[in-house]
N, C-alpha and C. Protein backbone atom coordinates (compact mmCIF):
# COMPACT_ATOMS: atom_id res chain seq x y z
N MET A 1 23.29 6.85 9.79
CA MET A 1 23.44 6.98 11.24
C MET A 1 23.44 5.61 11.90
N ILE A 2 24.45 5.42 12.63
CA ILE A 2 24.59 4.32 13.40
C ILE A 2 23.99 4.46 14.85
N TRP A 3 23.60 3.46 15.52
CA TRP A 3 22.99 3.54 16.80
C TRP A 3 23.80 4.29 17.79
N SER A 4 25.08 4.06 17.82
CA SER A 4 26.03 4.70 18.86
C SER A 4 26.12 6.23 18.60
N ASP A 5 25.62 6.76 17.42
CA ASP A 5 25.48 8.14 17.32
C ASP A 5 24.58 8.83 18.35
N LEU A 6 23.56 8.01 18.88
CA LEU A 6 22.69 8.66 19.75
C LEU A 6 22.92 8.30 21.26
N TYR A 7 23.93 7.48 21.38
CA TYR A 7 24.34 7.16 22.81
C TYR A 7 24.69 8.54 23.69
N PRO A 8 25.31 9.34 23.24
CA PRO A 8 25.60 10.64 24.02
C PRO A 8 24.18 11.52 24.34
N LEU A 9 23.26 11.26 23.66
CA LEU A 9 22.07 11.97 23.93
C LEU A 9 21.16 11.16 24.81
N VAL A 10 21.37 9.80 25.07
CA VAL A 10 20.46 9.02 25.84
C VAL A 10 21.13 8.58 27.21
N LEU A 11 22.42 8.22 27.16
CA LEU A 11 23.17 7.84 28.29
C LEU A 11 23.05 8.77 29.53
N PRO A 12 23.15 10.06 29.42
CA PRO A 12 23.12 10.79 30.60
C PRO A 12 21.65 10.64 31.37
N HIS A 13 20.73 10.19 30.68
CA HIS A 13 19.40 10.00 31.36
C HIS A 13 19.27 8.69 31.94
N VAL A 14 20.08 7.73 31.51
CA VAL A 14 19.98 6.40 31.99
C VAL A 14 21.39 5.91 32.44
N ALA A 15 21.90 6.61 33.42
CA ALA A 15 23.32 6.20 33.90
C ALA A 15 23.41 4.88 34.26
N GLY A 16 24.49 4.15 33.99
CA GLY A 16 24.63 2.83 34.26
C GLY A 16 24.02 1.76 33.34
N CYS A 17 23.42 2.23 32.33
CA CYS A 17 22.67 1.40 31.29
C CYS A 17 23.82 0.72 30.47
N PRO A 18 24.03 -0.45 30.31
CA PRO A 18 25.04 -1.09 29.51
C PRO A 18 24.79 -0.83 27.96
N GLU A 19 25.73 -0.59 27.20
CA GLU A 19 25.50 -0.18 25.82
C GLU A 19 24.85 -1.25 24.93
N PRO A 20 25.10 -2.50 25.18
CA PRO A 20 24.26 -3.42 24.43
C PRO A 20 22.70 -3.40 24.64
N ILE A 21 22.39 -3.04 25.94
CA ILE A 21 20.97 -2.94 26.20
C ILE A 21 20.44 -1.58 25.59
N LEU A 22 21.27 -0.54 25.65
CA LEU A 22 20.84 0.68 24.92
C LEU A 22 20.71 0.50 23.31
N GLU A 23 21.66 -0.26 22.81
CA GLU A 23 21.58 -0.31 21.19
C GLU A 23 20.47 -1.18 20.98
N ASP A 24 20.09 -2.19 21.82
CA ASP A 24 18.99 -3.15 21.32
C ASP A 24 17.68 -2.29 21.60
N THR A 25 17.64 -1.35 22.51
CA THR A 25 16.56 -0.64 22.89
C THR A 25 16.20 0.50 21.74
N LEU A 26 17.35 1.01 21.22
CA LEU A 26 17.32 2.01 20.26
C LEU A 26 16.85 1.25 18.86
N ARG A 27 17.35 0.15 18.63
CA ARG A 27 16.94 -0.57 17.37
C ARG A 27 15.33 -0.98 17.50
N ARG A 28 14.96 -1.45 18.72
CA ARG A 28 13.53 -1.84 18.75
C ARG A 28 12.70 -0.58 18.69
N THR A 29 13.06 0.59 19.23
CA THR A 29 12.42 1.78 19.07
C THR A 29 12.28 2.26 17.72
N ALA A 30 13.38 2.13 16.88
CA ALA A 30 13.45 2.54 15.42
C ALA A 30 12.50 1.58 14.65
N ILE A 31 12.37 0.38 15.07
CA ILE A 31 11.45 -0.59 14.28
C ILE A 31 10.07 -0.20 14.54
N ARG A 32 9.64 0.12 15.83
CA ARG A 32 8.48 0.49 16.20
C ARG A 32 7.90 1.91 15.53
N PHE A 33 8.99 2.85 15.58
CA PHE A 33 8.66 4.14 14.83
C PHE A 33 8.43 3.90 13.53
N CYS A 34 9.27 3.13 12.67
CA CYS A 34 8.95 2.97 11.33
C CYS A 34 7.64 2.12 11.03
N ARG A 35 7.27 1.17 11.92
CA ARG A 35 5.99 0.56 11.91
C ARG A 35 4.88 1.67 12.12
N ASP A 36 4.93 2.44 13.01
CA ASP A 36 4.06 3.36 13.35
C ASP A 36 3.72 4.65 12.43
N THR A 37 4.78 4.94 11.64
CA THR A 37 4.68 6.09 10.72
C THR A 37 4.89 5.82 9.16
N HIS A 38 5.40 4.53 8.94
CA HIS A 38 5.79 4.14 7.58
C HIS A 38 6.79 5.33 6.97
N ALA A 39 7.71 5.92 7.79
CA ALA A 39 8.60 6.88 7.39
C ALA A 39 9.64 6.37 6.62
N TRP A 40 10.04 5.13 6.55
CA TRP A 40 11.04 4.61 5.79
C TRP A 40 10.46 4.04 4.42
N ALA A 41 10.19 4.77 3.42
CA ALA A 41 9.86 4.32 2.09
C ALA A 41 10.85 4.58 1.10
N GLU A 42 11.21 3.53 0.27
CA GLU A 42 12.12 3.86 -0.86
C GLU A 42 11.74 3.14 -2.12
N GLU A 43 12.13 3.72 -3.19
CA GLU A 43 12.17 3.03 -4.54
C GLU A 43 13.08 1.92 -4.53
N LEU A 44 12.70 0.80 -4.76
CA LEU A 44 13.75 -0.44 -4.88
C LEU A 44 14.11 -0.67 -6.35
N ALA A 45 15.06 -1.55 -6.68
CA ALA A 45 15.33 -1.70 -7.91
C ALA A 45 14.28 -2.44 -8.75
N SER A 46 13.99 -1.98 -9.83
CA SER A 46 12.87 -2.58 -10.65
C SER A 46 12.90 -4.09 -10.98
N VAL A 47 11.82 -4.52 -11.07
CA VAL A 47 11.63 -6.05 -11.32
C VAL A 47 11.52 -6.21 -12.88
N TYR A 48 12.31 -7.03 -13.55
CA TYR A 48 12.09 -7.26 -14.92
C TYR A 48 11.49 -8.59 -15.05
N PRO A 49 10.26 -8.70 -15.33
CA PRO A 49 9.45 -10.03 -15.38
C PRO A 49 10.00 -10.91 -16.62
N ALA A 50 9.94 -12.15 -16.46
CA ALA A 50 10.23 -13.15 -17.49
C ALA A 50 8.98 -13.93 -17.64
N GLU A 51 8.80 -14.40 -18.91
CA GLU A 51 7.56 -15.12 -19.27
C GLU A 51 7.37 -16.31 -18.38
N GLY A 52 6.04 -16.47 -17.83
CA GLY A 52 5.69 -17.48 -17.05
C GLY A 52 6.11 -17.45 -15.57
N ILE A 53 6.99 -16.55 -15.24
CA ILE A 53 7.50 -16.52 -13.82
C ILE A 53 6.54 -15.65 -12.90
N THR A 54 6.14 -16.24 -11.83
CA THR A 54 5.21 -15.46 -10.86
C THR A 54 5.90 -14.92 -9.59
N ARG A 55 7.25 -15.34 -9.34
CA ARG A 55 7.82 -15.07 -7.99
C ARG A 55 9.13 -14.34 -8.35
N TYR A 56 9.35 -13.25 -7.49
CA TYR A 56 10.61 -12.49 -7.71
C TYR A 56 10.99 -12.02 -6.36
N GLN A 57 12.31 -12.02 -6.28
CA GLN A 57 13.01 -11.65 -4.99
C GLN A 57 13.40 -10.07 -5.23
N LEU A 58 12.74 -9.36 -4.25
CA LEU A 58 13.33 -7.82 -4.25
C LEU A 58 14.75 -7.76 -3.49
N THR A 59 15.34 -6.69 -3.81
CA THR A 59 16.68 -6.55 -3.35
C THR A 59 16.41 -5.30 -2.22
N LEU A 60 16.45 -5.59 -1.08
CA LEU A 60 16.15 -4.67 0.03
C LEU A 60 17.52 -4.03 0.54
N PRO A 61 17.41 -2.84 1.06
CA PRO A 61 18.67 -2.29 1.70
C PRO A 61 19.21 -2.99 2.76
N GLU A 62 20.38 -3.09 2.82
CA GLU A 62 21.01 -3.76 4.01
C GLU A 62 20.59 -3.20 5.28
N GLY A 63 20.31 -4.20 6.26
CA GLY A 63 19.92 -3.97 7.59
C GLY A 63 18.36 -3.58 7.54
N SER A 64 17.59 -3.97 6.57
CA SER A 64 16.12 -3.63 6.53
C SER A 64 15.27 -4.79 6.25
N GLU A 65 14.09 -4.75 6.69
CA GLU A 65 13.01 -5.89 6.36
C GLU A 65 11.81 -5.05 5.74
N LEU A 66 11.12 -5.78 4.88
CA LEU A 66 9.96 -5.16 4.26
C LEU A 66 8.72 -5.07 5.19
N LEU A 67 8.14 -3.93 5.33
CA LEU A 67 7.01 -3.78 6.06
C LEU A 67 5.69 -3.98 5.29
N SER A 68 5.71 -3.29 4.08
CA SER A 68 4.64 -3.56 3.03
C SER A 68 5.10 -2.81 1.66
N LEU A 69 4.25 -3.09 0.67
CA LEU A 69 4.41 -2.44 -0.58
C LEU A 69 3.79 -1.22 -0.57
N ALA A 70 4.30 -0.15 -0.99
CA ALA A 70 3.57 1.10 -1.16
C ALA A 70 3.03 1.07 -2.56
N HIS A 71 3.78 0.56 -3.54
CA HIS A 71 3.19 0.30 -4.89
C HIS A 71 4.03 -0.56 -5.69
N ALA A 72 3.46 -1.26 -6.68
CA ALA A 72 4.06 -1.98 -7.70
C ALA A 72 3.47 -1.64 -9.02
N VAL A 73 4.16 -0.93 -9.89
CA VAL A 73 3.59 -0.46 -11.00
C VAL A 73 4.30 -0.94 -12.34
N GLN A 74 3.48 -1.30 -13.21
CA GLN A 74 4.04 -1.87 -14.49
C GLN A 74 3.29 -1.19 -15.61
N ALA A 75 3.91 -0.35 -16.43
CA ALA A 75 3.18 0.39 -17.61
C ALA A 75 2.01 1.13 -17.14
N ASN A 76 2.23 1.97 -16.07
CA ASN A 76 1.14 2.69 -15.51
C ASN A 76 -0.09 1.84 -14.90
N ASN A 77 0.09 0.61 -14.75
CA ASN A 77 -0.91 -0.27 -14.09
C ASN A 77 -0.33 -0.62 -12.81
N ALA A 78 -1.32 -0.52 -11.62
CA ALA A 78 -0.98 -0.99 -10.42
C ALA A 78 -1.18 -2.56 -10.28
N LEU A 79 -0.12 -3.11 -9.71
CA LEU A 79 -0.13 -4.56 -9.48
C LEU A 79 -0.09 -4.70 -8.01
N TRP A 80 -0.86 -5.80 -7.48
CA TRP A 80 -0.87 -5.96 -6.08
C TRP A 80 -0.37 -7.59 -5.76
N PRO A 81 0.89 -7.75 -5.82
CA PRO A 81 1.29 -9.11 -5.49
C PRO A 81 1.31 -9.35 -4.02
N ARG A 82 1.25 -10.66 -3.65
CA ARG A 82 1.51 -10.98 -2.24
C ARG A 82 2.96 -10.84 -1.99
N VAL A 83 3.42 -10.51 -0.77
CA VAL A 83 4.90 -10.31 -0.44
C VAL A 83 5.08 -10.77 0.92
N ASN A 84 6.28 -11.22 1.22
CA ASN A 84 6.51 -11.58 2.69
C ASN A 84 7.69 -10.54 3.21
N VAL A 85 7.92 -10.78 4.43
CA VAL A 85 8.85 -9.71 5.00
C VAL A 85 10.41 -9.95 4.35
N PHE A 86 10.58 -10.89 3.59
CA PHE A 86 12.00 -11.02 3.16
C PHE A 86 12.08 -10.43 1.67
N GLY A 87 10.96 -9.88 1.22
CA GLY A 87 10.83 -9.30 -0.12
C GLY A 87 10.61 -10.29 -1.23
N LEU A 88 9.95 -11.36 -1.04
CA LEU A 88 9.67 -12.22 -2.00
C LEU A 88 8.24 -11.86 -2.60
N LEU A 89 8.12 -11.55 -3.82
CA LEU A 89 6.84 -11.05 -4.45
C LEU A 89 6.30 -12.39 -5.08
N HIS A 90 4.94 -12.44 -4.95
CA HIS A 90 4.23 -13.66 -5.61
C HIS A 90 3.01 -13.08 -6.36
N PHE A 91 3.04 -13.12 -7.57
CA PHE A 91 1.96 -12.70 -8.42
C PHE A 91 1.16 -13.90 -8.66
N ASP A 92 -0.40 -13.61 -8.72
CA ASP A 92 -1.40 -14.75 -9.00
C ASP A 92 -1.12 -15.09 -10.45
N ALA A 93 -0.96 -14.09 -11.31
CA ALA A 93 -0.71 -14.36 -12.95
C ALA A 93 0.58 -13.75 -13.24
N ALA A 94 1.34 -14.35 -13.95
CA ALA A 94 2.79 -13.91 -14.40
C ALA A 94 2.58 -12.60 -15.19
N PRO A 95 3.40 -11.60 -14.61
CA PRO A 95 3.38 -10.26 -15.34
C PRO A 95 3.87 -10.39 -16.79
N ASN A 96 3.40 -9.67 -17.65
CA ASN A 96 3.75 -9.62 -19.00
C ASN A 96 5.11 -8.96 -19.29
N PRO A 97 6.13 -9.59 -19.64
CA PRO A 97 7.37 -8.88 -19.87
C PRO A 97 7.49 -7.89 -20.79
N ASP A 98 6.51 -7.98 -22.03
CA ASP A 98 6.34 -7.00 -22.88
C ASP A 98 5.86 -5.56 -22.40
N ASN A 99 5.35 -5.50 -21.22
CA ASN A 99 4.88 -4.24 -20.60
C ASN A 99 6.17 -3.55 -19.83
N GLY A 100 7.27 -4.09 -19.73
CA GLY A 100 8.38 -3.39 -19.26
C GLY A 100 8.63 -3.98 -17.78
N PRO A 101 9.48 -3.10 -17.17
CA PRO A 101 9.90 -3.46 -15.70
C PRO A 101 8.73 -3.00 -14.83
N ILE A 102 8.71 -3.68 -13.64
CA ILE A 102 7.82 -3.28 -12.56
C ILE A 102 8.54 -2.52 -11.60
N GLU A 103 8.02 -1.28 -11.29
CA GLU A 103 8.70 -0.34 -10.50
C GLU A 103 8.03 -0.54 -9.13
N ILE A 104 8.94 -0.57 -8.01
CA ILE A 104 8.55 -1.00 -6.61
C ILE A 104 8.93 0.18 -5.60
N ARG A 105 7.92 0.53 -4.91
CA ARG A 105 8.25 1.45 -3.82
C ARG A 105 7.64 0.55 -2.43
N ALA A 106 8.74 0.33 -1.52
CA ALA A 106 8.39 -0.29 -0.32
C ALA A 106 8.48 0.45 0.85
N VAL A 107 7.82 -0.01 1.90
CA VAL A 107 7.90 0.55 3.26
C VAL A 107 8.73 -0.38 4.06
N LEU A 108 9.69 0.16 4.68
CA LEU A 108 10.69 -0.68 5.30
C LEU A 108 10.77 -0.43 6.82
N HIS A 109 11.42 -1.23 7.53
CA HIS A 109 11.85 -1.13 9.02
C HIS A 109 13.23 -1.74 9.17
N PRO A 110 14.00 -1.28 10.29
CA PRO A 110 15.18 -2.00 10.57
C PRO A 110 15.07 -3.39 10.87
N SER A 111 16.04 -4.17 10.33
CA SER A 111 16.09 -5.63 10.84
C SER A 111 16.46 -5.69 12.19
N ARG A 112 16.31 -6.93 12.78
CA ARG A 112 16.63 -7.09 14.24
C ARG A 112 18.23 -7.03 14.48
N ASP A 113 18.94 -7.04 13.37
CA ASP A 113 20.48 -7.14 13.53
C ASP A 113 21.04 -5.91 12.84
N SER A 114 20.12 -4.84 12.41
CA SER A 114 20.65 -3.67 11.72
C SER A 114 21.62 -2.89 12.77
N THR A 115 22.55 -2.01 12.11
CA THR A 115 23.40 -1.42 12.86
C THR A 115 23.05 0.17 12.85
N GLY A 116 22.04 0.60 12.18
CA GLY A 116 21.52 1.96 12.21
C GLY A 116 20.34 2.16 11.22
N LEU A 117 20.26 3.33 10.87
CA LEU A 117 19.12 3.85 9.97
C LEU A 117 19.84 4.71 8.88
N PRO A 118 19.15 4.98 7.83
CA PRO A 118 19.65 5.97 6.90
C PRO A 118 19.69 7.34 7.55
N ASP A 119 20.55 8.17 7.28
CA ASP A 119 20.82 9.47 7.99
C ASP A 119 19.42 10.32 7.89
N ARG A 120 18.84 10.36 6.78
CA ARG A 120 17.56 11.15 6.68
C ARG A 120 16.52 10.73 7.78
N LEU A 121 16.52 9.54 8.05
CA LEU A 121 15.61 9.00 9.10
C LEU A 121 16.14 9.14 10.42
N GLY A 122 17.40 8.68 10.68
CA GLY A 122 18.02 8.72 12.11
C GLY A 122 18.14 10.14 12.51
N LEU A 123 18.59 11.12 11.65
CA LEU A 123 18.78 12.39 12.10
C LEU A 123 17.60 13.19 12.11
N GLY A 124 16.70 12.82 11.21
CA GLY A 124 15.39 13.64 10.98
C GLY A 124 14.46 13.25 12.01
N TYR A 125 14.66 12.10 12.54
CA TYR A 125 13.52 11.74 13.69
C TYR A 125 14.42 11.25 14.89
N ASP A 126 15.44 11.87 15.23
CA ASP A 126 16.24 11.46 16.34
C ASP A 126 15.51 11.68 17.65
N GLU A 127 14.62 12.76 17.78
CA GLU A 127 13.91 13.07 18.98
C GLU A 127 12.86 11.97 19.40
N ALA A 128 12.20 11.36 18.29
CA ALA A 128 11.39 10.32 18.55
C ALA A 128 12.16 9.18 19.01
N LEU A 129 13.30 8.77 18.33
CA LEU A 129 14.06 7.59 18.77
C LEU A 129 14.66 7.79 20.23
N ILE A 130 15.14 8.99 20.58
CA ILE A 130 15.51 9.32 21.93
C ILE A 130 14.47 9.13 23.01
N HIS A 131 13.26 9.80 22.82
CA HIS A 131 12.17 9.70 23.76
C HIS A 131 11.65 8.29 23.87
N GLY A 132 11.48 7.55 22.73
CA GLY A 132 10.99 6.22 22.78
C GLY A 132 11.89 5.34 23.52
N THR A 133 13.19 5.40 23.39
CA THR A 133 14.26 4.61 23.90
C THR A 133 14.22 5.04 25.43
N LEU A 134 14.18 6.18 25.86
CA LEU A 134 14.24 6.58 27.24
C LEU A 134 12.90 6.11 27.95
N ALA A 135 11.79 6.14 27.29
CA ALA A 135 10.54 5.62 27.94
C ALA A 135 10.62 4.00 28.29
N THR A 136 11.24 3.41 27.24
CA THR A 136 11.48 1.86 27.47
C THR A 136 12.44 1.75 28.50
N LEU A 137 13.56 2.26 28.40
CA LEU A 137 14.65 2.03 29.39
C LEU A 137 14.31 2.40 30.84
N GLN A 138 13.72 3.63 30.99
CA GLN A 138 13.33 4.02 32.30
C GLN A 138 12.08 3.18 32.89
N GLU A 139 11.44 2.44 32.10
CA GLU A 139 10.32 1.63 32.54
C GLU A 139 10.78 0.43 33.08
N MET A 140 11.93 -0.08 32.83
CA MET A 140 12.54 -1.31 33.25
C MET A 140 12.61 -1.47 34.71
N PRO A 141 11.96 -2.41 35.34
CA PRO A 141 11.98 -2.46 36.76
C PRO A 141 13.35 -2.91 37.52
N GLY A 142 13.69 -2.37 38.65
CA GLY A 142 14.83 -2.83 39.33
C GLY A 142 16.12 -2.46 38.67
N ARG A 143 16.24 -1.58 37.97
CA ARG A 143 17.60 -1.11 37.33
C ARG A 143 18.04 0.10 37.84
N ASP A 144 19.24 0.53 37.81
CA ASP A 144 19.93 1.65 38.35
C ASP A 144 19.17 2.99 37.49
N TRP A 145 18.82 2.71 36.34
CA TRP A 145 18.25 3.87 35.49
C TRP A 145 16.68 4.01 35.49
N THR A 146 16.13 3.07 36.17
CA THR A 146 14.62 3.06 36.36
C THR A 146 14.20 4.32 36.94
N ASN A 147 13.17 5.00 36.19
CA ASN A 147 12.66 6.24 36.55
C ASN A 147 11.26 6.37 36.13
N PRO A 148 10.39 5.64 36.92
CA PRO A 148 8.93 5.67 36.36
C PRO A 148 8.23 6.97 36.37
N GLN A 149 8.75 7.96 37.05
CA GLN A 149 8.12 9.43 37.10
C GLN A 149 8.30 10.02 35.66
N LEU A 150 9.26 9.61 34.92
CA LEU A 150 9.59 10.24 33.59
C LEU A 150 9.12 9.39 32.36
N VAL A 151 8.56 8.12 32.72
CA VAL A 151 8.27 7.18 31.58
C VAL A 151 7.10 7.90 30.71
N ALA A 152 6.03 8.41 31.44
CA ALA A 152 4.87 8.95 30.88
C ALA A 152 5.29 10.20 30.04
N TYR A 153 6.23 10.87 30.45
CA TYR A 153 6.67 12.09 29.71
C TYR A 153 7.32 11.72 28.35
N HIS A 154 8.31 10.73 28.52
CA HIS A 154 9.09 10.39 27.50
C HIS A 154 8.12 9.59 26.46
N ARG A 155 7.13 8.85 26.81
CA ARG A 155 6.21 8.19 25.96
C ARG A 155 5.35 9.20 25.18
N ALA A 156 4.97 10.23 25.92
CA ALA A 156 3.99 11.23 25.32
C ALA A 156 4.96 12.05 24.30
N LYS A 157 6.20 12.31 24.59
CA LYS A 157 7.00 13.10 23.55
C LYS A 157 7.33 12.07 22.44
N TYR A 158 7.47 10.83 22.57
CA TYR A 158 7.62 9.81 21.42
C TYR A 158 6.36 9.90 20.59
N LEU A 159 5.03 9.84 21.25
CA LEU A 159 3.85 9.78 20.46
C LEU A 159 3.56 11.12 19.72
N GLU A 160 4.11 12.25 20.38
CA GLU A 160 4.01 13.51 19.71
C GLU A 160 4.92 13.49 18.39
N SER A 161 6.05 12.96 18.52
CA SER A 161 6.96 12.82 17.31
C SER A 161 6.27 12.01 16.34
N VAL A 162 5.60 10.91 16.66
CA VAL A 162 5.11 9.95 15.71
C VAL A 162 3.92 10.76 15.08
N ALA A 163 3.12 11.47 15.70
CA ALA A 163 2.06 12.33 15.04
C ALA A 163 2.71 13.36 14.02
N GLU A 164 3.85 14.07 14.53
CA GLU A 164 4.44 14.96 13.62
C GLU A 164 4.92 14.38 12.41
N ALA A 165 5.53 13.09 12.56
CA ALA A 165 6.06 12.44 11.47
C ALA A 165 4.88 11.93 10.53
N ARG A 166 3.89 11.50 11.05
CA ARG A 166 2.72 11.21 10.03
C ARG A 166 2.34 12.38 9.30
N THR A 167 2.14 13.40 10.04
CA THR A 167 1.60 14.72 9.35
C THR A 167 2.71 15.18 8.36
N ARG A 168 3.91 15.10 8.54
CA ARG A 168 4.89 15.63 7.65
C ARG A 168 4.91 14.70 6.48
N LEU A 169 4.75 13.36 6.67
CA LEU A 169 4.75 12.42 5.54
C LEU A 169 3.59 12.66 4.72
N SER A 170 2.30 12.91 5.42
CA SER A 170 1.14 13.06 4.67
C SER A 170 1.14 14.20 3.71
N GLN A 171 1.99 15.16 4.09
CA GLN A 171 2.16 16.40 3.34
C GLN A 171 3.38 16.47 2.27
N GLY A 172 3.84 15.25 2.04
CA GLY A 172 4.72 15.00 1.03
C GLY A 172 6.27 15.18 1.59
N ASP A 173 6.42 15.10 3.02
CA ASP A 173 7.68 15.35 3.63
C ASP A 173 8.29 16.63 3.30
N THR A 174 7.50 17.67 3.29
CA THR A 174 8.07 18.98 2.96
C THR A 174 7.77 19.97 4.06
N GLU A 175 8.57 20.89 4.15
CA GLU A 175 8.41 22.02 5.12
C GLU A 175 7.52 23.29 4.63
N ARG A 176 7.34 23.14 3.32
CA ARG A 176 6.68 24.32 2.66
C ARG A 176 5.27 24.12 3.11
N PRO A 177 4.39 25.30 3.17
CA PRO A 177 2.98 25.14 3.44
C PRO A 177 2.32 24.59 2.10
N LEU A 178 1.32 23.80 2.43
CA LEU A 178 0.43 23.43 1.26
C LEU A 178 -0.70 24.42 0.95
N THR A 179 -0.80 24.73 -0.21
CA THR A 179 -1.92 25.73 -0.60
C THR A 179 -2.80 25.04 -1.69
N VAL A 180 -3.86 25.53 -1.68
CA VAL A 180 -5.00 25.11 -2.80
C VAL A 180 -5.36 26.34 -3.35
N ARG A 181 -5.33 26.26 -4.68
CA ARG A 181 -5.90 27.42 -5.49
C ARG A 181 -7.25 27.11 -6.16
N LEU A 182 -8.29 27.78 -5.83
CA LEU A 182 -9.60 27.72 -6.16
C LEU A 182 -9.64 28.22 -7.82
N PRO A 183 -10.35 27.40 -8.59
CA PRO A 183 -10.49 27.84 -9.97
C PRO A 183 -11.51 28.94 -10.09
N SER A 184 -11.20 29.84 -11.06
CA SER A 184 -12.07 30.94 -11.26
C SER A 184 -13.43 30.38 -11.93
N PHE A 185 -14.46 31.03 -11.62
CA PHE A 185 -15.73 30.62 -12.07
C PHE A 185 -16.16 31.47 -13.47
N LEU A 186 -15.39 32.58 -13.91
CA LEU A 186 -15.74 33.43 -14.81
C LEU A 186 -14.76 33.26 -16.07
């Protein structure tokens, strides 16, 4: 999904807002949403360690920046390297190449020059993006589209969407009900 896919859903509520301002606000809202929820988590290309090397560059999806590592696992052992926003991993001790590749799951957010989000995020959480964007735009003082009476409403709807996303993600991003079966005692 590219940012302009949401223009028809936002622009009627902020008449006169220039598209560059709208696009920047959508992007900043998406960054905030991903930081608030950790909704954008992906398996990245595995890292194949080499003898004595402690630093490795991750390959991040285009238009993304690293927020955090969800996990780095080598041969069923969790590793916790230091990492920067550009995806440079730094291990205190060089990983053993004989243990195989290091599997990486990362939490991402859009970069400041991104053109959109993966469809599963942009379309799955479009209400959060729309309400967060409207709250920010309508809060801008002295603009034709300023509407302070609706800022609290849109902010509350954004926060409600964040809470729903966190709950959905904590349940494995599934719509099915989670059940627990008690073991029999006899």
